[in-house]
Amino acid sequence: KGMSKKILFIYNANSDTGSKMLDFAHKIMSPATYNCALCSLTFGAFIEKKKWKTFRKTLLAKGYILSFLHKDEFQKSYKSKFGHAFTYPIILVETEYDLEVLLSTERLNAMEAVEDLVGEIHGLVRGMH
């Protein structure tokens, strides 16, 4: 079956942790985000990392729908539909019937640099068609 083109990026932080808006997502500047690998991989001190931004635009150009959510926003939107107990941060793919894990919390936590993240997602989405 064809994979969905909707990818959900869920940060290990709540939307009330003093978020600052960026052009596409919330940047959370607070100690609470230091345990969020997804935040630290994709952002520098205050701005989105260039490599990540470029890659994100590549995915959009290929027709992927990217959704960036804090964990509380995700739980609110998806709780009723999917009763999964996910850990965060996590990257999911939304299919017609379910949510599938694209990159687990463990994988994200093990990554050292944005290049690792870009490389992994790139390889996974290539295999999705």
Protein backbone atom coordinates (compact mmCIF):
# COMPACT_ATOMS: atom_id res chain seq x y z
CA LYS A 1 0.00 0.00 0.00
CA GLY A 2 1.16 3.55 -0.64
CA MET A 3 2.51 5.35 2.35
CA SER A 4 0.91 8.57 3.41
CA LYS A 5 2.80 11.73 2.72
CA LYS A 6 2.01 13.29 6.07
CA ILE A 7 4.90 13.33 8.52
CA LEU A 8 4.39 14.44 12.11
CA PHE A 9 7.27 15.83 14.13
CA ILE A 10 6.44 15.86 17.83
CA TYR A 11 8.66 17.74 20.24
CA ASN A 12 9.23 16.63 23.81
CA ALA A 13 7.94 19.92 25.16
CA ASN A 14 4.57 21.44 25.89
CA SER A 15 3.18 24.43 24.04
CA ASP A 16 3.10 26.51 27.21
CA THR A 17 6.87 26.49 27.75
CA GLY A 18 7.36 30.05 26.54
CA SER A 19 7.35 29.26 22.85
CA LYS A 20 8.55 31.71 20.24
CA MET A 21 7.04 31.50 16.78
CA LEU A 22 9.25 30.81 13.81
CA ASP A 23 8.22 30.77 10.19
CA PHE A 24 6.93 27.21 10.45
CA ALA A 25 7.01 26.00 14.00
CA HIS A 26 7.43 26.95 17.59
CA LYS A 27 10.92 27.34 18.92
CA ILE A 28 10.94 26.57 22.56
CA MET A 29 13.62 28.33 24.53
CA SER A 30 13.52 26.86 27.99
CA PRO A 31 15.37 24.29 30.05
CA ALA A 32 12.46 21.91 29.40
CA THR A 33 13.60 21.47 25.83
CA TYR A 34 17.08 20.25 26.61
CA ASN A 35 15.68 16.74 26.87
CA CYS A 36 14.19 17.12 23.41
CA ALA A 37 16.60 15.71 20.84
CA LEU A 38 14.38 16.90 18.00
CA CYS A 39 14.70 20.49 19.23
CA SER A 40 18.45 20.37 19.62
CA LEU A 41 19.01 18.57 16.32
CA THR A 42 16.96 21.00 14.25
CA PHE A 43 17.71 24.27 16.01
CA GLY A 44 20.77 26.18 17.01
CA ALA A 45 20.63 28.66 19.88
CA PHE A 46 17.78 30.65 18.41
CA ILE A 47 17.35 29.80 14.77
CA GLU A 48 16.50 26.84 12.68
CA LYS A 49 19.60 25.11 11.31
CA LYS A 50 20.16 25.82 7.61
CA LYS A 51 20.67 22.18 6.70
CA TRP A 52 17.39 21.28 8.34
CA LYS A 53 15.50 24.16 6.77
CA THR A 54 16.79 23.21 3.31
CA PHE A 55 15.84 19.58 3.85
CA ARG A 56 12.39 20.51 5.14
CA LYS A 57 11.79 22.57 2.01
CA THR A 58 12.94 19.64 -0.14
CA LEU A 59 10.33 17.40 1.51
CA LEU A 60 7.62 20.02 0.98
CA ALA A 61 8.63 20.33 -2.66
CA LYS A 62 8.20 16.56 -3.00
CA GLY A 63 4.64 16.85 -1.79
CA TYR A 64 5.07 15.81 1.82
CA ILE A 65 2.87 17.45 4.42
CA LEU A 66 4.90 18.26 7.52
CA SER A 67 3.27 18.90 10.84
CA PHE A 68 5.28 20.19 13.82
CA LEU A 69 3.60 19.78 17.18
CA HIS A 70 4.35 20.06 20.86
CA LYS A 71 3.46 16.88 22.71
CA ASP A 72 0.36 18.39 24.34
CA GLU A 73 -0.93 19.63 20.97
CA PHE A 74 -0.35 16.20 19.48
CA GLN A 75 -2.11 14.45 22.33
CA LYS A 76 -5.06 16.80 22.06
CA SER A 77 -5.43 16.34 18.29
CA TYR A 78 -4.77 12.62 18.08
CA LYS A 79 -5.76 11.14 21.42
CA SER A 80 -9.31 10.29 20.42
CA LYS A 81 -8.28 8.84 17.08
CA PHE A 82 -5.26 6.81 18.17
CA GLY A 83 -4.82 5.47 21.66
CA HIS A 84 -1.12 4.78 21.25
CA ALA A 85 1.21 5.55 24.11
CA PHE A 86 4.09 7.25 22.36
CA THR A 87 7.25 8.62 23.91
CA TYR A 88 8.64 11.99 22.78
CA PRO A 89 10.29 13.39 20.79
CA ILE A 90 9.16 11.19 17.93
CA ILE A 91 8.60 11.37 14.19
CA LEU A 92 5.47 9.65 12.89
CA VAL A 93 3.87 8.99 9.54
CA GLU A 94 0.12 9.34 9.40
CA THR A 95 -1.51 6.71 7.21
CA GLU A 96 -5.17 6.40 6.39
CA TYR A 97 -5.79 4.12 9.35
CA ASP A 98 -2.95 4.58 11.75
CA LEU A 99 0.15 6.36 12.93
CA GLU A 100 3.42 4.61 12.19
CA VAL A 101 6.73 5.40 13.82
CA LEU A 102 9.22 6.82 11.33
CA LEU A 103 11.91 7.60 13.91
CA SER A 104 11.62 6.56 17.53
CA THR A 105 12.60 8.54 20.59
CA GLU A 106 15.56 6.18 21.06
CA ARG A 107 16.81 6.81 17.53
CA LEU A 108 16.43 10.56 17.87
CA ASN A 109 18.17 10.59 21.24
CA ALA A 110 21.08 8.64 19.78
CA MET A 111 21.68 11.18 17.03
CA GLU A 112 24.56 13.59 17.32
CA ALA A 113 23.92 16.05 14.53
CA VAL A 114 21.34 17.40 12.13
CA GLU A 115 23.11 15.47 9.33
CA ASP A 116 22.15 12.20 11.07
CA LEU A 117 18.52 13.26 11.20
CA VAL A 118 18.41 14.44 7.59
CA GLY A 119 20.16 11.29 6.40
CA GLU A 120 17.81 8.96 8.28
CA ILE A 121 14.60 10.69 7.18
CA HIS A 122 15.85 10.93 3.61
CA GLY A 123 16.54 7.20 3.50
CA LEU A 124 13.20 6.35 5.09
CA VAL A 125 11.04 8.52 2.85
CA ARG A 126 12.85 7.18 -0.20
CA GLY A 127 11.76 3.74 0.86
CA MET A 128 8.20 4.88 1.41
CA HIS A 129 7.06 4.89 -2.21
